Amino acid sequence: MSGPLFHDGFVTEGEPWNLRLKLDLDASKLNSFSENKSAVMGRLTTNDAENGLCSDQALFNSAPIRAIPQLYHDTLSTLSFGEGHDEDFFAFVDSTCQGTMVSLVSLLRNGNVEVRLFKPAQLPDEGAGPDKRPGYAVFYLTRRDSGCEFARP
């Protein structure tokens, strides 16, 4: 899958963009996601434990994707994100060192997944590093029924 890659505020300065994301998703929980305030339907993990923003930890280490049940009572939940999208949902996910983020997970008709991450932060000082800046990242994931391991770039 191709598309523009964004990683603003998610990788350390001077490092090449090699942040990869793994999503373990239980799609059977999609229908109950809006009804259960503590629903966890998946987990995110990144490959950056050695050179990422969180020193010696991965940015996400099997971080639960949590429901935002209030959205299911708002028109925002009915947005359509384009042709080829079967299901799109917003959720919270906690980073090991960067706080709670909002994610937009898109299940695509071809079986693949897009994950967008929104990292809120206060207005940073001029020249602040990526760990202090707000961020936005897009990940294009390929479905693997055999298990989730980081694919080689």
Protein backbone atom coordinates (compact mmCIF):
# COMPACT_ATOMS: atom_id res chain seq x y z
CA MET A 1 0.00 0.00 0.00
CA SER A 2 1.33 3.44 -0.75
CA GLY A 3 0.57 6.89 0.45
CA PRO A 4 2.27 9.84 2.08
CA LEU A 5 4.09 9.00 5.28
CA PHE A 6 3.76 11.34 8.22
CA HIS A 7 5.63 11.00 11.48
CA ASP A 8 5.82 14.54 12.85
CA GLY A 9 6.48 14.47 16.60
CA PHE A 10 6.99 10.69 16.69
CA VAL A 11 10.68 10.10 15.88
CA THR A 12 13.84 11.52 17.40
CA GLU A 13 15.72 14.32 15.63
CA GLY A 14 18.29 13.18 13.09
CA GLU A 15 16.99 9.60 12.99
CA PRO A 16 15.76 8.15 9.72
CA TRP A 17 12.05 7.45 9.66
CA ASN A 18 11.86 3.77 10.50
CA LEU A 19 9.14 3.73 13.12
CA ARG A 20 6.93 0.73 12.50
CA LEU A 21 3.66 -0.14 14.16
CA LYS A 22 2.10 -3.50 14.93
CA LEU A 23 -1.63 -3.81 15.59
CA ASP A 24 -3.19 -6.88 17.21
CA LEU A 25 -6.92 -6.44 16.60
CA ASP A 26 -9.92 -8.44 17.76
CA ALA A 27 -12.48 -7.42 15.13
CA SER A 28 -15.16 -9.47 16.89
CA LYS A 29 -15.29 -6.72 19.53
CA LEU A 30 -16.22 -4.02 17.01
CA ASN A 31 -19.96 -4.39 17.57
CA SER A 32 -19.72 -4.20 21.36
CA PHE A 33 -17.10 -1.42 21.27
CA SER A 34 -19.70 1.37 21.45
CA GLU A 35 -21.59 -0.23 24.33
CA ASN A 36 -18.72 -1.14 26.65
CA LYS A 37 -16.88 1.82 28.16
CA SER A 38 -13.89 -0.33 29.08
CA ALA A 39 -13.76 -2.20 25.77
CA VAL A 40 -10.27 -3.04 24.58
CA MET A 41 -10.36 -4.28 21.03
CA GLY A 42 -6.70 -4.34 20.23
CA ARG A 43 -3.17 -3.40 21.15
CA LEU A 44 -0.45 -1.28 19.53
CA THR A 45 3.29 -1.94 19.68
CA THR A 46 6.15 -0.03 18.03
CA ASN A 47 9.68 -1.11 17.13
CA ASP A 48 11.53 1.88 18.63
CA ALA A 49 12.65 0.64 22.07
CA GLU A 50 16.31 1.29 21.26
CA ASN A 51 16.20 4.68 19.53
CA GLY A 52 12.79 6.24 20.08
CA LEU A 53 11.29 9.09 22.06
CA CYS A 54 10.87 6.97 25.22
CA SER A 55 14.57 6.25 25.85
CA ASP A 56 14.81 2.50 26.47
CA GLN A 57 11.10 1.74 25.97
CA ALA A 58 8.96 1.44 22.88
CA LEU A 59 6.56 4.33 22.25
CA PHE A 60 3.74 1.75 22.44
CA ASN A 61 4.27 -1.56 24.20
CA SER A 62 1.14 -3.65 23.74
CA ALA A 63 -0.87 -0.51 24.53
CA PRO A 64 -4.63 -1.14 24.75
CA ILE A 65 -6.83 0.54 22.14
CA ARG A 66 -9.69 1.86 24.30
CA ALA A 67 -13.20 2.84 23.34
CA ILE A 68 -14.39 6.45 23.28
CA PRO A 69 -18.06 5.56 23.89
CA GLN A 70 -19.27 9.18 23.82
CA LEU A 71 -18.40 9.36 20.11
CA TYR A 72 -21.00 6.74 19.27
CA HIS A 73 -23.69 9.21 20.33
CA ASP A 74 -22.25 11.97 18.13
CA THR A 75 -22.44 12.57 14.39
CA LEU A 76 -18.64 12.29 14.27
CA SER A 77 -19.07 8.51 14.42
CA THR A 78 -20.90 8.58 11.07
CA LEU A 79 -18.11 10.22 9.10
CA SER A 80 -17.05 8.45 5.96
CA PHE A 81 -13.33 8.43 5.25
CA GLY A 82 -13.50 7.47 1.62
CA GLU A 83 -14.11 4.62 -0.72
CA GLY A 84 -12.60 1.33 0.31
CA HIS A 85 -13.16 1.91 4.03
CA ASP A 86 -15.38 -0.69 5.66
CA GLU A 87 -15.10 0.59 9.22
CA ASP A 88 -13.49 3.65 10.81
CA PHE A 89 -13.35 4.27 14.54
CA PHE A 90 -11.67 6.61 17.00
CA ALA A 91 -10.04 5.26 20.16
CA PHE A 92 -7.65 6.26 22.92
CA VAL A 93 -4.23 4.63 23.23
CA ASP A 94 -1.60 5.28 25.91
CA SER A 95 2.05 5.74 25.04
CA THR A 96 4.70 4.54 27.49
CA CYS A 97 6.10 8.11 27.78
CA GLN A 98 4.06 10.53 25.64
CA GLY A 99 0.66 10.35 27.33
CA THR A 100 -2.73 9.46 25.90
CA MET A 101 -3.25 9.83 22.17
CA VAL A 102 -6.25 9.65 19.89
CA SER A 103 -6.16 7.06 17.15
CA LEU A 104 -8.27 6.68 14.04
CA VAL A 105 -8.30 3.07 12.88
CA SER A 106 -9.60 2.33 9.38
CA LEU A 107 -10.40 -1.22 8.35
CA LEU A 108 -10.13 -1.34 4.58
CA ARG A 109 -12.12 -3.46 2.18
CA ASN A 110 -8.92 -5.10 0.88
CA GLY A 111 -8.16 -6.44 4.39
CA ASN A 112 -5.47 -3.89 5.24
CA VAL A 113 -5.59 -1.27 7.97
CA GLU A 114 -4.68 2.40 8.28
CA VAL A 115 -3.81 3.78 11.71
CA ARG A 116 -3.60 7.51 12.30
CA LEU A 117 -2.24 8.79 15.60
CA PHE A 118 -2.83 12.27 16.99
CA LYS A 119 -0.44 13.28 19.78
CA PRO A 120 -1.66 16.33 21.67
CA ALA A 121 0.79 18.61 23.45
CA GLN A 122 0.92 22.12 24.77
CA LEU A 123 2.23 24.83 22.47
CA PRO A 124 5.97 24.06 22.54
CA ASP A 125 8.84 26.50 22.86
CA GLU A 126 10.62 27.36 19.62
CA GLY A 127 13.08 24.60 18.76
CA ALA A 128 11.49 22.03 21.07
CA GLY A 129 12.33 18.43 20.26
CA PRO A 130 9.77 15.92 18.98
CA ASP A 131 9.12 14.62 22.50
CA LYS A 132 7.70 18.08 23.42
CA ARG A 133 5.82 18.80 20.17
CA PRO A 134 2.34 17.72 19.14
CA GLY A 135 2.41 15.04 16.51
CA TYR A 136 0.60 13.24 13.75
CA ALA A 137 1.51 9.90 12.19
CA VAL A 138 -0.02 7.60 9.57
CA PHE A 139 0.74 3.90 9.33
CA TYR A 140 -0.33 1.60 6.49
CA LEU A 141 -0.57 -1.97 7.77
CA THR A 142 -0.95 -5.24 5.90
CA ARG A 143 -3.14 -7.90 7.45
CA ARG A 144 -1.38 -11.10 8.48
CA ASP A 145 -3.42 -13.99 9.82
CA SER A 146 -0.24 -15.86 10.74
CA GLY A 147 0.62 -13.44 13.54
CA CYS A 148 2.01 -9.99 13.92
CA GLU A 149 5.71 -9.39 13.59
CA PHE A 150 7.40 -6.29 12.28
CA ALA A 151 7.93 -6.63 8.54
CA ARG A 152 11.28 -5.71 7.11
CA PRO A 153 11.19 -2.29 5.39
